Amino acid sequence: MKIFITTQGGQRIDLDVEPNFKTEDVKAKCAEVLRVSIPPDRWHLIFAGKEMKNGKTIFEQGVRKDMFLQLHQDEIMQIDVKTSNDKTIKLEVKPTDTIADVKVKLQEREGIAPEKQRLTFGGQQLKESVMLLDYGIGNNSTLHVIFNVDTIMNVFVKTFEGKTITLHMKPNDKVEDVKKQIQNKLGIAPAMQRLISGEKELKDGQELSEHIIVNNCILNLVSRLPGG
């Protein structure tokens, strides 16, 4: 059967394989086509967002006729991780590292357990099982981390009347949790609230950490017009 491999450089390789080919057999055929002598353990085959395991057949791992796989070579890249107090942590990683791997590296550097970390990139919270390459994270990319996500922090909310109220929140609280606290203090229904950080409106369903809301942040409360 024929399968298609795309490389990091965008090249497509058409391979004739058998269902009982193992992952390392496919890597070897790719090396032949590309005319390179790179050890198989430095190649990574990705299928359906997961790295394929050596010693297993491609059929076992769900590969069928005319399907596409990705081929990545080990390469060390540097990323920056910014903390909520503006500290920058430089890490050496590989594109095939998962977010869980990054959290372990941060734990080694900062001593904070992975479950106490929230990582975001481009405003999106990152899932532990996903690889960096799947998020488009490359060399010199910048991630944001919030540590100790169960720690209470102060969030200041400025109302449209010029009044400022103080809320006690956690980084993993959601935007609607903030709106409920505002309702308790000011009597404004959540449906009539718009919360702004910088120039961006905070969306219900997302955690404060996803919006890089940290201790002593200031949010602006804007009244939502009926039907708006």
N, C-alpha and C. Protein backbone atom coordinates (compact mmCIF):
# COMPACT_ATOMS: atom_id res chain seq x y z
N MET A 1 0.85 -1.19 0.00
CA MET A 1 0.00 0.00 0.00
C MET A 1 0.89 1.24 0.00
N LYS A 2 0.31 2.34 -0.42
CA LYS A 2 1.08 3.58 -0.50
C LYS A 2 0.69 4.50 0.66
N ILE A 3 1.71 5.11 1.28
CA ILE A 3 1.47 6.13 2.29
C ILE A 3 2.31 7.35 1.93
N PHE A 4 1.98 8.48 2.52
CA PHE A 4 2.66 9.73 2.20
C PHE A 4 3.30 10.31 3.46
N ILE A 5 4.53 10.74 3.34
CA ILE A 5 5.28 11.31 4.45
C ILE A 5 5.61 12.76 4.12
N THR A 6 5.32 13.67 5.03
CA THR A 6 5.74 15.06 4.85
C THR A 6 6.85 15.37 5.84
N THR A 7 7.89 16.05 5.35
CA THR A 7 9.04 16.38 6.19
C THR A 7 8.89 17.78 6.78
N GLN A 8 9.80 18.13 7.69
CA GLN A 8 9.79 19.47 8.28
C GLN A 8 9.95 20.55 7.23
N GLY A 9 10.69 20.23 6.17
CA GLY A 9 10.94 21.20 5.12
C GLY A 9 9.82 21.30 4.10
N GLY A 10 8.76 20.51 4.29
CA GLY A 10 7.62 20.56 3.38
C GLY A 10 7.70 19.59 2.22
N GLN A 11 8.76 18.78 2.16
CA GLN A 11 8.89 17.79 1.09
C GLN A 11 7.93 16.63 1.34
N ARG A 12 7.37 16.09 0.25
CA ARG A 12 6.49 14.92 0.38
C ARG A 12 7.18 13.69 -0.17
N ILE A 13 7.12 12.61 0.60
CA ILE A 13 7.71 11.34 0.18
C ILE A 13 6.57 10.34 0.01
N ASP A 14 6.51 9.70 -1.17
CA ASP A 14 5.52 8.64 -1.41
C ASP A 14 6.21 7.30 -1.19
N LEU A 15 5.69 6.50 -0.28
CA LEU A 15 6.32 5.22 0.04
C LEU A 15 5.38 4.06 -0.21
N ASP A 16 5.93 2.98 -0.77
CA ASP A 16 5.21 1.72 -0.87
C ASP A 16 5.61 0.86 0.32
N VAL A 17 4.64 0.53 1.15
CA VAL A 17 4.92 -0.21 2.38
C VAL A 17 3.93 -1.36 2.54
N GLU A 18 4.20 -2.21 3.50
CA GLU A 18 3.29 -3.29 3.87
C GLU A 18 2.73 -3.00 5.26
N PRO A 19 1.52 -3.48 5.54
CA PRO A 19 0.92 -3.22 6.86
C PRO A 19 1.77 -3.71 8.03
N ASN A 20 2.59 -4.76 7.77
CA ASN A 20 3.41 -5.31 8.86
C ASN A 20 4.76 -4.61 9.00
N PHE A 21 4.99 -3.55 8.22
CA PHE A 21 6.20 -2.75 8.40
C PHE A 21 6.16 -2.13 9.80
N LYS A 22 7.31 -2.12 10.45
CA LYS A 22 7.41 -1.47 11.74
C LYS A 22 7.81 -0.01 11.55
N THR A 23 7.64 0.76 12.59
CA THR A 23 7.96 2.19 12.52
C THR A 23 9.38 2.41 12.02
N GLU A 24 10.33 1.62 12.56
CA GLU A 24 11.72 1.79 12.16
C GLU A 24 11.97 1.42 10.70
N ASP A 25 11.12 0.51 10.14
CA ASP A 25 11.24 0.17 8.72
C ASP A 25 10.87 1.37 7.85
N VAL A 26 9.83 2.08 8.25
CA VAL A 26 9.41 3.27 7.50
C VAL A 26 10.48 4.35 7.59
N LYS A 27 11.06 4.52 8.77
CA LYS A 27 12.14 5.50 8.94
C LYS A 27 13.31 5.18 8.02
N ALA A 28 13.65 3.88 7.93
CA ALA A 28 14.78 3.46 7.09
C ALA A 28 14.49 3.77 5.62
N LYS A 29 13.25 3.53 5.17
CA LYS A 29 12.89 3.83 3.79
C LYS A 29 12.94 5.33 3.52
N CYS A 30 12.52 6.12 4.50
CA CYS A 30 12.60 7.58 4.36
C CYS A 30 14.06 8.01 4.21
N ALA A 31 14.93 7.42 5.01
CA ALA A 31 16.36 7.76 4.94
C ALA A 31 16.94 7.43 3.58
N GLU A 32 16.49 6.30 2.99
CA GLU A 32 16.95 5.92 1.65
C GLU A 32 16.53 6.95 0.62
N VAL A 33 15.26 7.35 0.68
CA VAL A 33 14.75 8.31 -0.30
C VAL A 33 15.44 9.66 -0.14
N LEU A 34 15.65 10.07 1.10
CA LEU A 34 16.28 11.37 1.36
C LEU A 34 17.80 11.34 1.23
N ARG A 35 18.34 10.12 1.11
CA ARG A 35 19.78 9.91 0.96
C ARG A 35 20.56 10.55 2.12
N VAL A 36 20.13 10.21 3.31
CA VAL A 36 20.82 10.69 4.51
C VAL A 36 21.14 9.50 5.40
N SER A 37 22.16 9.66 6.21
CA SER A 37 22.55 8.59 7.13
C SER A 37 22.40 9.07 8.57
N ILE A 38 21.16 9.30 8.94
CA ILE A 38 20.85 9.76 10.29
C ILE A 38 20.33 8.58 11.10
N PRO A 39 20.85 8.34 12.31
CA PRO A 39 20.38 7.22 13.12
C PRO A 39 18.86 7.24 13.29
N PRO A 40 18.22 6.07 13.19
CA PRO A 40 16.75 6.01 13.30
C PRO A 40 16.19 6.63 14.58
N ASP A 41 17.00 6.58 15.67
CA ASP A 41 16.48 7.13 16.93
C ASP A 41 16.41 8.66 16.92
N ARG A 42 16.92 9.27 15.86
CA ARG A 42 16.82 10.73 15.74
C ARG A 42 15.69 11.16 14.82
N TRP A 43 14.98 10.17 14.25
CA TRP A 43 13.80 10.46 13.45
C TRP A 43 12.56 10.26 14.33
N HIS A 44 11.56 11.06 14.08
CA HIS A 44 10.28 10.88 14.77
C HIS A 44 9.17 10.86 13.72
N LEU A 45 8.39 9.78 13.71
CA LEU A 45 7.23 9.69 12.82
C LEU A 45 5.98 10.05 13.63
N ILE A 46 5.21 10.97 13.09
CA ILE A 46 4.01 11.43 13.78
C ILE A 46 2.79 11.04 12.96
N PHE A 47 1.81 10.43 13.63
CA PHE A 47 0.56 10.08 12.97
C PHE A 47 -0.60 10.43 13.90
N ALA A 48 -1.54 11.18 13.36
CA ALA A 48 -2.73 11.60 14.14
C ALA A 48 -2.34 12.30 15.43
N GLY A 49 -1.28 13.10 15.36
CA GLY A 49 -0.87 13.89 16.51
C GLY A 49 -0.07 13.15 17.56
N LYS A 50 0.27 11.89 17.29
CA LYS A 50 1.03 11.10 18.26
C LYS A 50 2.28 10.53 17.61
N GLU A 51 3.34 10.42 18.42
CA GLU A 51 4.57 9.83 17.90
C GLU A 51 4.41 8.33 17.81
N MET A 52 4.82 7.76 16.67
CA MET A 52 4.73 6.32 16.46
C MET A 52 5.89 5.62 17.17
N LYS A 53 5.60 4.45 17.71
CA LYS A 53 6.58 3.75 18.54
C LYS A 53 7.35 2.71 17.74
N ASN A 54 8.66 2.68 17.95
CA ASN A 54 9.49 1.64 17.36
C ASN A 54 9.05 0.28 17.91
N GLY A 55 9.19 -0.75 17.07
CA GLY A 55 8.83 -2.10 17.51
C GLY A 55 7.39 -2.46 17.24
N LYS A 56 6.56 -1.47 16.86
CA LYS A 56 5.16 -1.73 16.53
C LYS A 56 4.94 -1.56 15.04
N THR A 57 4.03 -2.35 14.49
CA THR A 57 3.73 -2.22 13.06
C THR A 57 2.90 -0.96 12.82
N ILE A 58 2.98 -0.48 11.59
CA ILE A 58 2.20 0.72 11.28
C ILE A 58 0.70 0.41 11.31
N PHE A 59 0.34 -0.85 10.98
CA PHE A 59 -1.07 -1.24 11.01
C PHE A 59 -1.61 -1.19 12.44
N GLU A 60 -0.80 -1.67 13.39
CA GLU A 60 -1.20 -1.64 14.81
C GLU A 60 -1.48 -0.21 15.27
N GLN A 61 -0.79 0.72 14.65
CA GLN A 61 -0.89 2.12 15.09
C GLN A 61 -1.89 2.93 14.26
N GLY A 62 -2.68 2.20 13.45
CA GLY A 62 -3.80 2.84 12.76
C GLY A 62 -3.54 3.35 11.37
N VAL A 63 -2.33 3.10 10.82
CA VAL A 63 -1.99 3.62 9.49
C VAL A 63 -2.61 2.71 8.42
N ARG A 64 -3.29 3.32 7.48
CA ARG A 64 -3.91 2.59 6.37
C ARG A 64 -3.49 3.22 5.04
N LYS A 65 -3.97 2.66 3.97
CA LYS A 65 -3.63 3.11 2.62
C LYS A 65 -3.94 4.60 2.43
N ASP A 66 -3.00 5.29 1.75
CA ASP A 66 -3.16 6.69 1.35
C ASP A 66 -3.21 7.68 2.53
N MET A 67 -2.74 7.25 3.67
CA MET A 67 -2.72 8.16 4.82
C MET A 67 -1.41 8.95 4.87
N PHE A 68 -1.47 10.09 5.57
CA PHE A 68 -0.30 10.98 5.68
C PHE A 68 0.33 10.86 7.06
N LEU A 69 1.66 10.82 7.07
CA LEU A 69 2.44 10.85 8.30
C LEU A 69 3.39 12.04 8.24
N GLN A 70 3.90 12.44 9.38
CA GLN A 70 4.90 13.52 9.43
C GLN A 70 6.23 12.95 9.91
N LEU A 71 7.31 13.43 9.31
CA LEU A 71 8.65 13.00 9.70
C LEU A 71 9.41 14.19 10.26
N HIS A 72 9.89 14.03 11.48
CA HIS A 72 10.65 15.11 12.12
C HIS A 72 11.99 14.57 12.60
N GLN A 73 13.01 15.38 12.41
CA GLN A 73 14.34 15.03 12.90
C GLN A 73 14.59 15.76 14.21
N ASP A 74 15.26 15.06 15.14
CA ASP A 74 15.63 15.71 16.39
C ASP A 74 16.40 16.98 16.13
N GLU A 75 15.97 18.06 16.72
CA GLU A 75 16.74 19.31 16.66
C GLU A 75 16.49 20.07 17.95
N ILE A 76 17.54 20.61 18.49
CA ILE A 76 17.40 21.37 19.72
C ILE A 76 17.04 22.81 19.38
N MET A 77 16.03 23.32 20.06
CA MET A 77 15.64 24.71 19.86
C MET A 77 15.47 25.36 21.23
N GLN A 78 15.49 26.66 21.25
CA GLN A 78 15.35 27.39 22.50
C GLN A 78 14.02 28.12 22.53
N ILE A 79 13.33 28.02 23.65
CA ILE A 79 12.10 28.78 23.84
C ILE A 79 12.23 29.61 25.12
N ASP A 80 11.48 30.70 25.17
CA ASP A 80 11.42 31.53 26.37
C ASP A 80 10.09 31.27 27.08
N VAL A 81 10.16 31.14 28.39
CA VAL A 81 8.94 31.00 29.19
C VAL A 81 8.89 32.17 30.16
N LYS A 82 7.88 33.01 29.99
CA LYS A 82 7.74 34.20 30.85
C LYS A 82 6.79 33.91 32.01
N THR A 83 7.23 34.29 33.21
CA THR A 83 6.40 34.10 34.39
C THR A 83 5.56 35.35 34.64
N SER A 84 4.66 35.24 35.61
CA SER A 84 3.76 36.36 35.90
C SER A 84 4.48 37.56 36.50
N ASN A 85 5.70 37.36 37.02
CA ASN A 85 6.47 38.50 37.55
C ASN A 85 7.54 38.97 36.57
N ASP A 86 7.34 38.64 35.28
CA ASP A 86 8.19 39.10 34.18
C ASP A 86 9.58 38.46 34.14
N LYS A 87 9.76 37.39 34.88
CA LYS A 87 11.01 36.63 34.77
C LYS A 87 10.96 35.80 33.50
N THR A 88 12.08 35.70 32.79
CA THR A 88 12.15 34.88 31.58
C THR A 88 13.04 33.67 31.83
N ILE A 89 12.48 32.49 31.58
CA ILE A 89 13.21 31.24 31.74
C ILE A 89 13.50 30.69 30.35
N LYS A 90 14.76 30.46 30.04
CA LYS A 90 15.14 29.92 28.74
C LYS A 90 15.28 28.41 28.85
N LEU A 91 14.62 27.69 27.94
CA LEU A 91 14.66 26.23 27.95
C LEU A 91 15.11 25.70 26.60
N GLU A 92 15.87 24.61 26.62
CA GLU A 92 16.21 23.89 25.39
C GLU A 92 15.25 22.72 25.27
N VAL A 93 14.58 22.66 24.13
CA VAL A 93 13.55 21.64 23.91
C VAL A 93 13.66 21.11 22.48
N LYS A 94 12.85 20.08 22.20
CA LYS A 94 12.74 19.54 20.85
C LYS A 94 11.30 19.73 20.36
N PRO A 95 11.09 19.85 19.07
CA PRO A 95 9.73 20.03 18.56
C PRO A 95 8.78 18.92 18.98
N THR A 96 9.33 17.70 19.18
CA THR A 96 8.49 16.56 19.56
C THR A 96 8.30 16.43 21.06
N ASP A 97 8.90 17.33 21.84
CA ASP A 97 8.61 17.34 23.28
C ASP A 97 7.14 17.70 23.49
N THR A 98 6.54 17.11 24.49
CA THR A 98 5.17 17.46 24.84
C THR A 98 5.16 18.60 25.86
N ILE A 99 3.98 19.15 26.07
CA ILE A 99 3.84 20.19 27.09
C ILE A 99 4.19 19.62 28.46
N ALA A 100 3.88 18.35 28.68
CA ALA A 100 4.26 17.70 29.95
C ALA A 100 5.77 17.70 30.12
N ASP A 101 6.51 17.48 29.02
CA ASP A 101 7.98 17.51 29.09
C ASP A 101 8.47 18.91 29.49
N VAL A 102 7.83 19.93 28.93
CA VAL A 102 8.22 21.31 29.25
C VAL A 102 7.97 21.59 30.74
N LYS A 103 6.84 21.11 31.24
CA LYS A 103 6.54 21.34 32.66
C LYS A 103 7.56 20.66 33.57
N VAL A 104 8.03 19.48 33.16
CA VAL A 104 9.06 18.80 33.94
C VAL A 104 10.35 19.62 33.95
N LYS A 105 10.70 20.18 32.79
CA LYS A 105 11.90 21.02 32.71
C LYS A 105 11.75 22.25 33.62
N LEU A 106 10.55 22.82 33.64
CA LEU A 106 10.31 23.97 34.51
C LEU A 106 10.39 23.56 35.99
N GLN A 107 9.90 22.37 36.28
CA GLN A 107 10.00 21.88 37.65
C GLN A 107 11.46 21.73 38.07
N GLU A 108 12.30 21.22 37.15
CA GLU A 108 13.73 21.07 37.46
C GLU A 108 14.39 22.42 37.72
N ARG A 109 13.92 23.45 37.01
CA ARG A 109 14.53 24.78 37.16
C ARG A 109 13.95 25.55 38.34
N GLU A 110 12.64 25.45 38.53
CA GLU A 110 11.96 26.33 39.50
C GLU A 110 11.43 25.59 40.72
N GLY A 111 11.43 24.25 40.68
CA GLY A 111 10.98 23.47 41.83
C GLY A 111 9.48 23.46 42.04
N ILE A 112 8.71 23.77 40.99
CA ILE A 112 7.25 23.81 41.10
C ILE A 112 6.65 22.65 40.31
N ALA A 113 5.83 21.85 40.98
CA ALA A 113 5.27 20.64 40.38
C ALA A 113 4.44 20.96 39.14
N PRO A 114 4.44 20.06 38.14
CA PRO A 114 3.68 20.29 36.90
C PRO A 114 2.21 20.63 37.12
N GLU A 115 1.58 19.98 38.12
CA GLU A 115 0.15 20.24 38.33
C GLU A 115 -0.12 21.63 38.88
N LYS A 116 0.94 22.33 39.29
CA LYS A 116 0.81 23.71 39.77
C LYS A 116 1.13 24.73 38.68
N GLN A 117 1.27 24.25 37.44
CA GLN A 117 1.66 25.13 36.33
C GLN A 117 0.53 25.24 35.31
N ARG A 118 0.38 26.44 34.73
CA ARG A 118 -0.49 26.66 33.57
C ARG A 118 0.35 27.31 32.49
N LEU A 119 0.46 26.64 31.36
CA LEU A 119 1.24 27.17 30.23
C LEU A 119 0.30 27.64 29.14
N THR A 120 0.59 28.81 28.58
CA THR A 120 -0.20 29.32 27.46
C THR A 120 0.73 29.78 26.34
N PHE A 121 0.17 29.76 25.12
CA PHE A 121 0.89 30.25 23.95
C PHE A 121 -0.12 30.91 23.04
N GLY A 122 0.10 32.18 22.74
CA GLY A 122 -0.84 32.90 21.89
C GLY A 122 -2.24 32.97 22.48
N GLY A 123 -2.31 33.03 23.82
CA GLY A 123 -3.61 33.12 24.48
C GLY A 123 -4.33 31.80 24.64
N GLN A 124 -3.69 30.70 24.23
CA GLN A 124 -4.32 29.38 24.31
C GLN A 124 -3.65 28.55 25.41
N GLN A 125 -4.48 27.95 26.27
CA GLN A 125 -3.91 27.08 27.29
C GLN A 125 -3.44 25.79 26.64
N LEU A 126 -2.26 25.32 27.03
CA LEU A 126 -1.63 24.18 26.38
C LEU A 126 -1.91 22.88 27.14
N LYS A 127 -2.26 21.85 26.39
CA LYS A 127 -2.57 20.54 26.99
C LYS A 127 -1.32 19.69 27.09
N GLU A 128 -1.20 18.97 28.20
CA GLU A 128 0.03 18.24 28.50
C GLU A 128 0.40 17.20 27.45
N SER A 129 -0.59 16.56 26.84
CA SER A 129 -0.30 15.44 25.93
C SER A 129 0.10 15.88 24.53
N VAL A 130 0.01 17.17 24.23
CA VAL A 130 0.24 17.67 22.87
C VAL A 130 1.70 18.11 22.71
N MET A 131 2.26 17.83 21.51
CA MET A 131 3.64 18.19 21.24
C MET A 131 3.76 19.67 20.86
N LEU A 132 4.95 20.22 21.09
CA LEU A 132 5.20 21.62 20.75
C LEU A 132 4.92 21.90 19.28
N LEU A 133 5.34 21.00 18.42
CA LEU A 133 5.17 21.23 16.98
C LEU A 133 3.70 21.35 16.59
N ASP A 134 2.82 20.66 17.33
CA ASP A 134 1.40 20.71 17.01
C ASP A 134 0.78 22.06 17.36
N TYR A 135 1.41 22.80 18.26
CA TYR A 135 0.96 24.15 18.60
C TYR A 135 1.67 25.22 17.77
N GLY A 136 2.56 24.80 16.87
CA GLY A 136 3.31 25.77 16.08
C GLY A 136 4.40 26.46 16.87
N ILE A 137 4.82 25.84 17.96
CA ILE A 137 5.88 26.42 18.81
C ILE A 137 7.23 26.04 18.24
N GLY A 138 8.02 27.03 17.86
CA GLY A 138 9.32 26.79 17.24
C GLY A 138 10.43 27.51 17.97
N ASN A 139 11.58 27.57 17.31
CA ASN A 139 12.74 28.22 17.91
C ASN A 139 12.43 29.68 18.25
N ASN A 140 12.80 30.08 19.45
CA ASN A 140 12.61 31.46 19.96
C ASN A 140 11.16 31.83 20.24
N SER A 141 10.27 30.84 20.25
CA SER A 141 8.88 31.14 20.64
C SER A 141 8.82 31.51 22.12
N THR A 142 7.80 32.27 22.47
CA THR A 142 7.61 32.67 23.87
C THR A 142 6.31 32.10 24.42
N LEU A 143 6.43 31.37 25.51
CA LEU A 143 5.28 30.84 26.23
C LEU A 143 5.11 31.64 27.52
N HIS A 144 3.93 31.57 28.10
CA HIS A 144 3.68 32.19 29.40
C HIS A 144 3.29 31.11 30.39
N VAL A 145 3.79 31.24 31.61
CA VAL A 145 3.46 30.27 32.65
C VAL A 145 2.95 31.01 33.89
N ILE A 146 1.97 30.41 34.51
CA ILE A 146 1.52 30.86 35.82
C ILE A 146 1.74 29.71 36.78
N PHE A 147 2.50 29.96 37.82
CA PHE A 147 2.80 28.96 38.83
C PHE A 147 1.79 29.05 39.98
N ASN A 148 1.71 27.94 40.73
CA ASN A 148 0.85 27.91 41.92
C ASN A 148 -0.56 28.37 41.60
N VAL A 149 -1.20 27.62 40.69
CA VAL A 149 -2.50 28.05 40.16
C VAL A 149 -3.62 28.00 41.18
N ASP A 150 -3.37 27.40 42.36
CA ASP A 150 -4.41 27.40 43.39
C ASP A 150 -4.18 28.48 44.45
N THR A 151 -3.23 29.39 44.17
CA THR A 151 -2.93 30.48 45.10
C THR A 151 -3.92 31.63 44.92
N ILE A 152 -4.39 32.17 46.03
CA ILE A 152 -5.32 33.29 45.97
C ILE A 152 -4.58 34.56 45.54
N MET A 153 -5.19 35.30 44.60
CA MET A 153 -4.58 36.56 44.14
C MET A 153 -5.64 37.66 44.15
N ASN A 154 -5.16 38.88 44.21
CA ASN A 154 -6.05 40.04 44.15
C ASN A 154 -6.27 40.45 42.70
N VAL A 155 -7.52 40.65 42.35
CA VAL A 155 -7.87 41.19 41.02
C VAL A 155 -8.72 42.43 41.25
N PHE A 156 -8.29 43.54 40.67
CA PHE A 156 -9.02 44.81 40.82
C PHE A 156 -9.92 45.02 39.60
N VAL A 157 -11.16 45.38 39.87
CA VAL A 157 -12.12 45.62 38.79
C VAL A 157 -12.59 47.07 38.86
N LYS A 158 -12.34 47.80 37.77
CA LYS A 158 -12.80 49.20 37.68
C LYS A 158 -14.15 49.22 36.97
N THR A 159 -15.13 49.80 37.61
CA THR A 159 -16.46 49.85 37.02
C THR A 159 -16.59 51.04 36.08
N PHE A 160 -17.67 51.06 35.33
CA PHE A 160 -17.91 52.17 34.38
C PHE A 160 -18.26 53.46 35.12
N GLU A 161 -18.49 53.36 36.45
CA GLU A 161 -18.76 54.56 37.25
C GLU A 161 -17.50 55.08 37.93
N GLY A 162 -16.36 54.42 37.67
CA GLY A 162 -15.10 54.86 38.26
C GLY A 162 -14.78 54.24 39.60
N LYS A 163 -15.64 53.36 40.07
CA LYS A 163 -15.41 52.68 41.34
C LYS A 163 -14.49 51.48 41.13
N THR A 164 -13.63 51.17 42.11
CA THR A 164 -12.76 50.00 42.02
C THR A 164 -13.10 49.03 43.14
N ILE A 165 -13.32 47.77 42.77
CA ILE A 165 -13.58 46.74 43.77
C ILE A 165 -12.45 45.70 43.70
N THR A 166 -12.21 45.05 44.82
CA THR A 166 -11.16 44.03 44.90
C THR A 166 -11.79 42.65 45.02
N LEU A 167 -11.36 41.74 44.15
CA LEU A 167 -11.83 40.36 44.19
C LEU A 167 -10.67 39.44 44.53
N HIS A 168 -10.97 38.36 45.21
CA HIS A 168 -9.96 37.35 45.54
C HIS A 168 -10.22 36.13 44.66
N MET A 169 -9.32 35.90 43.72
CA MET A 169 -9.50 34.85 42.72
C MET A 169 -8.29 33.93 42.69
N LYS A 170 -8.46 32.82 41.96
CA LYS A 170 -7.34 31.90 41.69
C LYS A 170 -7.09 31.90 40.19
N PRO A 171 -5.85 31.64 39.76
CA PRO A 171 -5.56 31.64 38.32
C PRO A 171 -6.41 30.66 37.52
N ASN A 172 -6.85 29.56 38.18
CA ASN A 172 -7.66 28.60 37.43
C ASN A 172 -9.16 28.85 37.57
N ASP A 173 -9.55 29.96 38.20
CA ASP A 173 -10.95 30.38 38.16
C ASP A 173 -11.30 30.81 36.74
N LYS A 174 -12.56 30.66 36.39
CA LYS A 174 -13.01 31.04 35.05
C LYS A 174 -13.59 32.45 35.04
N VAL A 175 -13.71 32.99 33.86
CA VAL A 175 -14.20 34.37 33.71
C VAL A 175 -15.58 34.52 34.33
N GLU A 176 -16.44 33.50 34.16
CA GLU A 176 -17.78 33.61 34.73
C GLU A 176 -17.76 33.60 36.27
N ASP A 177 -16.69 33.02 36.86
CA ASP A 177 -16.55 33.09 38.33
C ASP A 177 -16.33 34.53 38.78
N VAL A 178 -15.56 35.27 37.99
CA VAL A 178 -15.33 36.69 38.28
C VAL A 178 -16.65 37.45 38.19
N LYS A 179 -17.41 37.17 37.13
CA LYS A 179 -18.68 37.87 36.93
C LYS A 179 -19.66 37.59 38.07
N LYS A 180 -19.62 36.36 38.59
CA LYS A 180 -20.51 36.03 39.71
C LYS A 180 -20.13 36.82 40.96
N GLN A 181 -18.82 36.96 41.19
CA GLN A 181 -18.38 37.76 42.34
C GLN A 181 -18.78 39.23 42.17
N ILE A 182 -18.67 39.72 40.93
CA ILE A 182 -19.09 41.11 40.67
C ILE A 182 -20.59 41.26 40.92
N GLN A 183 -21.36 40.25 40.50
CA GLN A 183 -22.80 40.29 40.75
C GLN A 183 -23.09 40.33 42.26
N ASN A 184 -22.34 39.54 43.02
CA ASN A 184 -22.55 39.52 44.47
C ASN A 184 -22.24 40.87 45.11
N LYS A 185 -21.24 41.58 44.56
CA LYS A 185 -20.83 42.86 45.16
C LYS A 185 -21.61 44.05 44.62
N LEU A 186 -21.95 44.00 43.33
CA LEU A 186 -22.56 45.18 42.70
C LEU A 186 -23.99 44.96 42.22
N GLY A 187 -24.43 43.70 42.22
CA GLY A 187 -25.79 43.42 41.77
C GLY A 187 -25.99 43.47 40.28
N ILE A 188 -24.89 43.42 39.51
CA ILE A 188 -24.99 43.45 38.04
C ILE A 188 -24.99 42.02 37.52
N ALA A 189 -26.01 41.65 36.77
CA ALA A 189 -26.11 40.29 36.25
C ALA A 189 -24.93 39.99 35.32
N PRO A 190 -24.40 38.75 35.37
CA PRO A 190 -23.28 38.39 34.49
C PRO A 190 -23.55 38.66 33.01
N ALA A 191 -24.81 38.48 32.59
CA ALA A 191 -25.15 38.69 31.18
C ALA A 191 -24.99 40.14 30.75
N MET A 192 -24.96 41.06 31.73
CA MET A 192 -24.83 42.48 31.43
C MET A 192 -23.39 42.98 31.61
N GLN A 193 -22.46 42.04 31.82
CA GLN A 193 -21.07 42.43 32.08
C GLN A 193 -20.17 42.09 30.89
N ARG A 194 -19.25 43.01 30.62
CA ARG A 194 -18.12 42.73 29.72
C ARG A 194 -16.85 43.08 30.49
N LEU A 195 -15.93 42.13 30.57
CA LEU A 195 -14.67 42.35 31.28
C LEU A 195 -13.55 42.52 30.28
N ILE A 196 -12.78 43.59 30.44
CA ILE A 196 -11.72 43.93 29.50
C ILE A 196 -10.37 43.92 30.21
N SER A 197 -9.40 43.26 29.60
CA SER A 197 -8.01 43.30 30.08
C SER A 197 -7.17 43.85 28.94
N GLY A 198 -6.54 45.01 29.16
CA GLY A 198 -5.86 45.67 28.05
C GLY A 198 -6.93 46.14 27.07
N GLU A 199 -6.91 45.59 25.87
CA GLU A 199 -7.94 45.92 24.88
C GLU A 199 -8.75 44.68 24.51
N LYS A 200 -8.56 43.60 25.28
CA LYS A 200 -9.17 42.33 24.91
C LYS A 200 -10.28 41.97 25.89
N GLU A 201 -11.43 41.55 25.34
CA GLU A 201 -12.53 41.10 26.19
C GLU A 201 -12.28 39.67 26.64
N LEU A 202 -12.52 39.41 27.92
CA LEU A 202 -12.35 38.07 28.47
C LEU A 202 -13.57 37.21 28.14
N LYS A 203 -13.32 36.00 27.70
CA LYS A 203 -14.40 35.12 27.25
C LYS A 203 -14.80 34.15 28.35
N ASP A 204 -16.12 33.97 28.51
CA ASP A 204 -16.61 32.95 29.43
C ASP A 204 -16.07 31.58 29.03
N GLY A 205 -15.88 30.73 30.02
CA GLY A 205 -15.39 29.38 29.74
C GLY A 205 -13.89 29.25 29.79
N GLN A 206 -13.19 30.39 29.81
CA GLN A 206 -11.73 30.36 29.86
C GLN A 206 -11.24 30.72 31.26
N GLU A 207 -10.09 30.12 31.62
CA GLU A 207 -9.49 30.42 32.92
C GLU A 207 -8.78 31.77 32.88
N LEU A 208 -8.66 32.39 34.03
CA LEU A 208 -7.93 33.66 34.11
C LEU A 208 -6.49 33.49 33.65
N SER A 209 -5.90 32.33 33.92
CA SER A 209 -4.51 32.09 33.50
C SER A 209 -4.35 32.14 31.99
N GLU A 210 -5.41 31.79 31.25
CA GLU A 210 -5.34 31.82 29.79
C GLU A 210 -5.24 33.25 29.28
N HIS A 211 -5.71 34.20 30.07
CA HIS A 211 -5.65 35.61 29.70
C HIS A 211 -4.48 36.32 30.38
N ILE A 212 -3.59 35.55 30.98
CA ILE A 212 -2.42 36.09 31.70
C ILE A 212 -2.87 37.08 32.78
N ILE A 213 -3.96 36.74 33.47
CA ILE A 213 -4.42 37.55 34.60
C ILE A 213 -3.66 37.08 35.85
N VAL A 214 -2.88 37.98 36.44
CA VAL A 214 -2.03 37.62 37.58
C VAL A 214 -2.37 38.51 38.77
N ASN A 215 -1.66 38.28 39.87
CA ASN A 215 -1.91 39.06 41.09
C ASN A 215 -1.81 40.56 40.83
N ASN A 216 -2.80 41.28 41.35
CA ASN A 216 -2.87 42.75 41.25
C ASN A 216 -3.19 43.26 39.84
N CYS A 217 -3.69 42.39 38.98
CA CYS A 217 -4.13 42.84 37.65
C CYS A 217 -5.38 43.72 37.79
N ILE A 218 -5.55 44.60 36.82
CA ILE A 218 -6.72 45.48 36.79
C ILE A 218 -7.58 45.11 35.58
N LEU A 219 -8.86 44.85 35.84
CA LEU A 219 -9.82 44.60 34.77
C LEU A 219 -10.79 45.77 34.71
N ASN A 220 -11.28 46.05 33.52
CA ASN A 220 -12.28 47.10 33.33
C ASN A 220 -13.63 46.46 33.07
N LEU A 221 -14.62 46.91 33.81
CA LEU A 221 -15.98 46.40 33.66
C LEU A 221 -16.77 47.37 32.79
N VAL A 222 -17.30 46.84 31.70
CA VAL A 222 -18.10 47.64 30.77
C VAL A 222 -19.50 47.06 30.73
N SER A 223 -20.49 47.91 30.76
CA SER A 223 -21.87 47.46 30.71
C SER A 223 -22.21 46.96 29.31
N ARG A 224 -22.83 45.79 29.25
CA ARG A 224 -23.26 45.24 27.96
C ARG A 224 -24.63 45.80 27.61
N LEU A 225 -24.75 46.34 26.41
CA LEU A 225 -26.02 46.89 25.97
C LEU A 225 -27.03 45.78 25.73
N PRO A 226 -28.30 46.01 25.99
CA PRO A 226 -29.31 44.99 25.73
C PRO A 226 -29.23 44.50 24.29
N GLY A 227 -29.18 43.19 24.13
CA GLY A 227 -29.07 42.60 22.80
C GLY A 227 -27.67 42.59 22.26
N GLY A 228 -26.66 43.13 23.03
CA GLY A 228 -25.29 43.21 22.57
C GLY A 228 -24.47 42.01 22.95
